N, C-alpha and C. Protein backbone atom coordinates (compact mmCIF):
# COMPACT_ATOMS: atom_id res chain seq x y z
N MET A 1 14.27 -0.33 -11.86
CA MET A 1 13.15 -0.82 -11.11
C MET A 1 12.63 -2.08 -11.80
N HIS A 2 12.72 -3.18 -11.07
CA HIS A 2 12.33 -4.44 -11.70
C HIS A 2 11.26 -5.22 -10.94
N LEU A 3 11.23 -5.10 -9.61
CA LEU A 3 10.33 -5.94 -8.82
C LEU A 3 9.69 -5.17 -7.68
N ILE A 4 8.35 -5.21 -7.65
CA ILE A 4 7.58 -4.68 -6.53
C ILE A 4 6.94 -5.87 -5.83
N VAL A 5 7.07 -5.94 -4.52
CA VAL A 5 6.47 -7.01 -3.74
C VAL A 5 5.35 -6.41 -2.89
N PHE A 6 4.17 -6.97 -3.02
CA PHE A 6 3.03 -6.59 -2.18
C PHE A 6 3.00 -7.63 -1.07
N ALA A 7 3.35 -7.22 0.14
CA ALA A 7 3.53 -8.18 1.23
C ALA A 7 2.45 -8.04 2.30
N CYS A 8 2.13 -9.16 2.92
CA CYS A 8 1.25 -9.17 4.08
C CYS A 8 1.74 -10.26 5.03
N GLU A 9 1.00 -10.49 6.08
CA GLU A 9 1.47 -11.42 7.10
C GLU A 9 1.61 -12.84 6.57
N ALA A 10 0.58 -13.35 5.91
CA ALA A 10 0.61 -14.73 5.44
C ALA A 10 0.97 -14.85 3.96
N GLY A 11 0.80 -13.78 3.20
CA GLY A 11 1.14 -13.82 1.77
C GLY A 11 0.13 -14.56 0.93
N MET A 12 -1.10 -14.60 1.38
CA MET A 12 -2.11 -15.35 0.63
C MET A 12 -3.22 -14.42 0.15
N GLY A 13 -4.26 -14.24 0.92
CA GLY A 13 -5.44 -13.50 0.47
C GLY A 13 -5.23 -12.03 0.21
N SER A 14 -4.89 -11.29 1.24
CA SER A 14 -4.81 -9.83 1.12
C SER A 14 -3.73 -9.39 0.14
N SER A 15 -2.55 -9.96 0.26
CA SER A 15 -1.47 -9.52 -0.63
C SER A 15 -1.71 -9.98 -2.07
N LEU A 16 -2.35 -11.11 -2.25
CA LEU A 16 -2.66 -11.58 -3.60
C LEU A 16 -3.62 -10.62 -4.28
N MET A 17 -4.68 -10.23 -3.58
CA MET A 17 -5.65 -9.30 -4.18
C MET A 17 -5.02 -7.93 -4.39
N GLY A 18 -4.21 -7.48 -3.43
CA GLY A 18 -3.53 -6.19 -3.59
C GLY A 18 -2.56 -6.21 -4.75
N ALA A 19 -1.82 -7.30 -4.89
CA ALA A 19 -0.86 -7.43 -6.00
C ALA A 19 -1.59 -7.43 -7.34
N ASN A 20 -2.72 -8.12 -7.41
CA ASN A 20 -3.48 -8.15 -8.66
C ASN A 20 -3.98 -6.76 -9.04
N GLN A 21 -4.45 -6.02 -8.05
CA GLN A 21 -4.89 -4.65 -8.30
C GLN A 21 -3.71 -3.80 -8.78
N LEU A 22 -2.56 -3.94 -8.13
CA LEU A 22 -1.37 -3.18 -8.51
C LEU A 22 -0.89 -3.56 -9.91
N LYS A 23 -0.95 -4.84 -10.25
CA LYS A 23 -0.55 -5.28 -11.60
C LYS A 23 -1.37 -4.57 -12.67
N LYS A 24 -2.67 -4.45 -12.44
CA LYS A 24 -3.54 -3.76 -13.40
C LYS A 24 -3.14 -2.29 -13.53
N MET A 25 -2.82 -1.66 -12.41
CA MET A 25 -2.42 -0.26 -12.43
C MET A 25 -1.08 -0.08 -13.15
N ILE A 26 -0.14 -0.98 -12.90
CA ILE A 26 1.17 -0.93 -13.55
C ILE A 26 1.03 -1.13 -15.06
N LYS A 27 0.18 -2.08 -15.45
CA LYS A 27 -0.04 -2.34 -16.88
C LYS A 27 -0.68 -1.13 -17.55
N LYS A 28 -1.69 -0.55 -16.89
CA LYS A 28 -2.37 0.62 -17.45
C LYS A 28 -1.40 1.79 -17.60
N ALA A 29 -0.45 1.90 -16.67
CA ALA A 29 0.55 2.98 -16.73
C ALA A 29 1.67 2.67 -17.72
N LYS A 30 1.61 1.48 -18.34
CA LYS A 30 2.59 1.05 -19.33
C LYS A 30 4.01 0.99 -18.76
N LEU A 31 4.10 0.47 -17.53
CA LEU A 31 5.39 0.29 -16.88
C LEU A 31 5.81 -1.17 -16.97
N ASP A 32 7.07 -1.41 -17.18
CA ASP A 32 7.59 -2.77 -17.28
C ASP A 32 8.21 -3.17 -15.94
N ILE A 33 7.33 -3.45 -14.97
CA ILE A 33 7.77 -3.81 -13.63
C ILE A 33 6.99 -5.04 -13.19
N GLN A 34 7.70 -6.03 -12.68
CA GLN A 34 7.06 -7.24 -12.18
C GLN A 34 6.48 -6.98 -10.79
N VAL A 35 5.27 -7.50 -10.55
CA VAL A 35 4.61 -7.37 -9.25
C VAL A 35 4.29 -8.77 -8.76
N ILE A 36 4.69 -9.06 -7.52
CA ILE A 36 4.37 -10.35 -6.90
C ILE A 36 3.83 -10.10 -5.50
N HIS A 37 3.27 -11.15 -4.90
CA HIS A 37 2.83 -11.06 -3.50
C HIS A 37 3.65 -12.04 -2.69
N SER A 38 3.77 -11.74 -1.38
CA SER A 38 4.64 -12.54 -0.53
C SER A 38 4.32 -12.31 0.94
N PRO A 39 4.56 -13.32 1.78
CA PRO A 39 4.55 -13.05 3.22
C PRO A 39 5.75 -12.16 3.55
N VAL A 40 5.62 -11.34 4.56
CA VAL A 40 6.70 -10.43 4.94
C VAL A 40 8.00 -11.19 5.19
N GLN A 41 7.93 -12.34 5.81
CA GLN A 41 9.14 -13.10 6.14
C GLN A 41 9.80 -13.76 4.93
N GLN A 42 9.14 -13.73 3.77
CA GLN A 42 9.70 -14.36 2.58
C GLN A 42 9.89 -13.39 1.41
N ILE A 43 10.01 -12.11 1.71
CA ILE A 43 10.23 -11.12 0.66
C ILE A 43 11.55 -11.43 -0.03
N PRO A 44 11.56 -11.53 -1.36
CA PRO A 44 12.81 -11.82 -2.07
C PRO A 44 13.84 -10.71 -1.87
N GLU A 45 15.10 -11.11 -1.77
CA GLU A 45 16.18 -10.16 -1.53
C GLU A 45 16.36 -9.16 -2.67
N HIS A 46 15.91 -9.50 -3.87
CA HIS A 46 16.09 -8.61 -5.01
C HIS A 46 14.91 -7.66 -5.22
N ALA A 47 14.01 -7.57 -4.25
CA ALA A 47 12.87 -6.65 -4.36
C ALA A 47 13.37 -5.21 -4.35
N ASP A 48 12.82 -4.40 -5.23
CA ASP A 48 13.17 -2.98 -5.28
C ASP A 48 12.26 -2.15 -4.37
N ILE A 49 10.97 -2.48 -4.40
CA ILE A 49 9.96 -1.79 -3.60
C ILE A 49 9.11 -2.83 -2.89
N VAL A 50 8.79 -2.58 -1.64
CA VAL A 50 7.89 -3.45 -0.89
C VAL A 50 6.72 -2.62 -0.39
N LEU A 51 5.53 -2.97 -0.84
CA LEU A 51 4.30 -2.38 -0.32
C LEU A 51 3.84 -3.25 0.82
N VAL A 52 3.62 -2.66 1.99
CA VAL A 52 3.28 -3.44 3.17
C VAL A 52 2.41 -2.59 4.10
N HIS A 53 1.50 -3.26 4.82
CA HIS A 53 0.66 -2.55 5.77
C HIS A 53 1.54 -1.85 6.80
N THR A 54 1.11 -0.69 7.23
CA THR A 54 1.87 0.12 8.18
C THR A 54 2.33 -0.67 9.40
N GLY A 55 1.49 -1.56 9.88
CA GLY A 55 1.82 -2.35 11.07
C GLY A 55 2.97 -3.32 10.88
N MET A 56 3.33 -3.61 9.63
CA MET A 56 4.42 -4.55 9.35
C MET A 56 5.60 -3.89 8.64
N ALA A 57 5.59 -2.57 8.53
CA ALA A 57 6.63 -1.86 7.78
C ALA A 57 8.02 -2.05 8.38
N LYS A 58 8.14 -1.96 9.69
CA LYS A 58 9.46 -2.14 10.31
C LYS A 58 9.96 -3.57 10.14
N GLN A 59 9.06 -4.51 10.20
CA GLN A 59 9.42 -5.92 9.99
C GLN A 59 9.93 -6.12 8.57
N ALA A 60 9.27 -5.50 7.60
CA ALA A 60 9.69 -5.62 6.20
C ALA A 60 11.06 -4.97 6.00
N LYS A 61 11.29 -3.81 6.62
CA LYS A 61 12.57 -3.12 6.47
C LYS A 61 13.70 -3.94 7.09
N ALA A 62 13.41 -4.61 8.21
CA ALA A 62 14.42 -5.47 8.84
C ALA A 62 14.75 -6.66 7.95
N LYS A 63 13.74 -7.17 7.24
CA LYS A 63 13.93 -8.33 6.37
C LYS A 63 14.76 -7.96 5.14
N ILE A 64 14.47 -6.80 4.55
CA ILE A 64 15.16 -6.39 3.33
C ILE A 64 15.46 -4.89 3.37
N PRO A 65 16.55 -4.53 4.04
CA PRO A 65 16.88 -3.11 4.22
C PRO A 65 17.20 -2.35 2.93
N SER A 66 17.54 -3.05 1.87
CA SER A 66 17.89 -2.37 0.62
C SER A 66 16.67 -1.91 -0.18
N ALA A 67 15.50 -2.42 0.13
CA ALA A 67 14.29 -2.07 -0.62
C ALA A 67 13.66 -0.80 -0.09
N ALA A 68 12.95 -0.11 -0.97
CA ALA A 68 12.14 1.03 -0.55
C ALA A 68 10.85 0.46 0.02
N ILE A 69 10.58 0.76 1.28
CA ILE A 69 9.37 0.27 1.94
C ILE A 69 8.30 1.34 1.82
N VAL A 70 7.17 0.98 1.23
CA VAL A 70 6.05 1.90 1.06
C VAL A 70 4.88 1.37 1.87
N PRO A 71 4.62 1.97 3.03
CA PRO A 71 3.52 1.49 3.87
C PRO A 71 2.17 2.00 3.37
N PHE A 72 1.13 1.23 3.65
CA PHE A 72 -0.23 1.63 3.32
C PHE A 72 -1.14 1.29 4.49
N GLN A 73 -2.34 1.87 4.49
CA GLN A 73 -3.32 1.63 5.55
C GLN A 73 -4.37 0.61 5.16
N MET A 74 -4.84 0.68 3.90
CA MET A 74 -5.92 -0.19 3.42
C MET A 74 -5.38 -1.11 2.32
N PHE A 75 -5.78 -2.36 2.35
CA PHE A 75 -5.29 -3.31 1.35
C PHE A 75 -5.84 -3.02 -0.04
N PHE A 76 -6.96 -2.32 -0.13
CA PHE A 76 -7.57 -2.06 -1.43
C PHE A 76 -7.84 -0.58 -1.60
N ASN A 77 -7.47 -0.06 -2.75
CA ASN A 77 -7.69 1.34 -3.12
C ASN A 77 -7.03 2.33 -2.16
N ASP A 78 -5.88 2.00 -1.64
CA ASP A 78 -5.17 2.91 -0.75
C ASP A 78 -4.49 4.00 -1.58
N PRO A 79 -4.58 5.25 -1.15
CA PRO A 79 -3.94 6.34 -1.90
C PRO A 79 -2.43 6.18 -2.05
N ALA A 80 -1.78 5.51 -1.12
CA ALA A 80 -0.32 5.31 -1.21
C ALA A 80 0.05 4.48 -2.43
N VAL A 81 -0.80 3.52 -2.78
CA VAL A 81 -0.54 2.66 -3.94
C VAL A 81 -0.69 3.47 -5.22
N LYS A 82 -1.76 4.23 -5.30
CA LYS A 82 -1.99 5.07 -6.48
C LYS A 82 -0.86 6.10 -6.63
N ALA A 83 -0.44 6.69 -5.51
CA ALA A 83 0.65 7.67 -5.55
C ALA A 83 1.95 7.03 -6.02
N LEU A 84 2.21 5.80 -5.57
CA LEU A 84 3.42 5.09 -5.99
C LEU A 84 3.43 4.90 -7.50
N VAL A 85 2.33 4.45 -8.06
CA VAL A 85 2.26 4.24 -9.52
C VAL A 85 2.47 5.56 -10.25
N GLY A 86 1.88 6.63 -9.76
CA GLY A 86 2.06 7.94 -10.37
C GLY A 86 3.51 8.39 -10.35
N ARG A 87 4.18 8.16 -9.23
CA ARG A 87 5.59 8.54 -9.11
C ARG A 87 6.47 7.70 -10.03
N LEU A 88 6.16 6.42 -10.14
CA LEU A 88 6.92 5.55 -11.05
C LEU A 88 6.71 5.99 -12.49
N GLN A 89 5.48 6.31 -12.83
CA GLN A 89 5.17 6.74 -14.20
C GLN A 89 5.88 8.06 -14.53
N ALA A 90 6.04 8.91 -13.54
CA ALA A 90 6.71 10.20 -13.73
C ALA A 90 8.23 10.06 -13.71
N GLY A 91 8.73 8.86 -13.42
CA GLY A 91 10.17 8.63 -13.39
C GLY A 91 10.84 9.10 -12.11
N GLU A 92 10.06 9.32 -11.08
CA GLU A 92 10.62 9.78 -9.80
C GLU A 92 11.26 8.62 -9.05
N SER A 93 12.25 8.94 -8.23
CA SER A 93 12.86 7.89 -7.41
C SER A 93 11.94 7.62 -6.22
N ILE A 94 11.98 6.39 -5.76
CA ILE A 94 11.13 5.97 -4.65
C ILE A 94 12.02 5.75 -3.43
N GLU A 95 11.77 6.52 -2.40
CA GLU A 95 12.54 6.41 -1.17
C GLU A 95 11.75 5.63 -0.14
N SER A 96 12.44 4.94 0.73
CA SER A 96 11.79 4.18 1.79
C SER A 96 11.17 5.13 2.80
N ALA A 97 9.95 4.82 3.23
CA ALA A 97 9.26 5.63 4.23
C ALA A 97 9.52 5.11 5.63
N VAL A 98 10.35 4.09 5.74
CA VAL A 98 10.65 3.49 7.06
C VAL A 98 12.14 3.56 7.29
């Protein structure tokens, strides 16, 4: 696991703030995983996990079918994000929800 992409439609405000929140959680969990933000249409091909709003999950999966797509409802403090960090910290595999 090397790269998590926090994606949104434009890749600016919402995904930037979500990625920053996730970076803090990853650091606190002492995980060595890079977190970036991106528009859905520009998700890097080498992404391992893509966090994306539920409404764009199918679009993200079409863009990068090899990544585990983790949909969320709220850009901030969504339980899916916290659960993802917990699963990563526990060494569990992350499966795509789409």
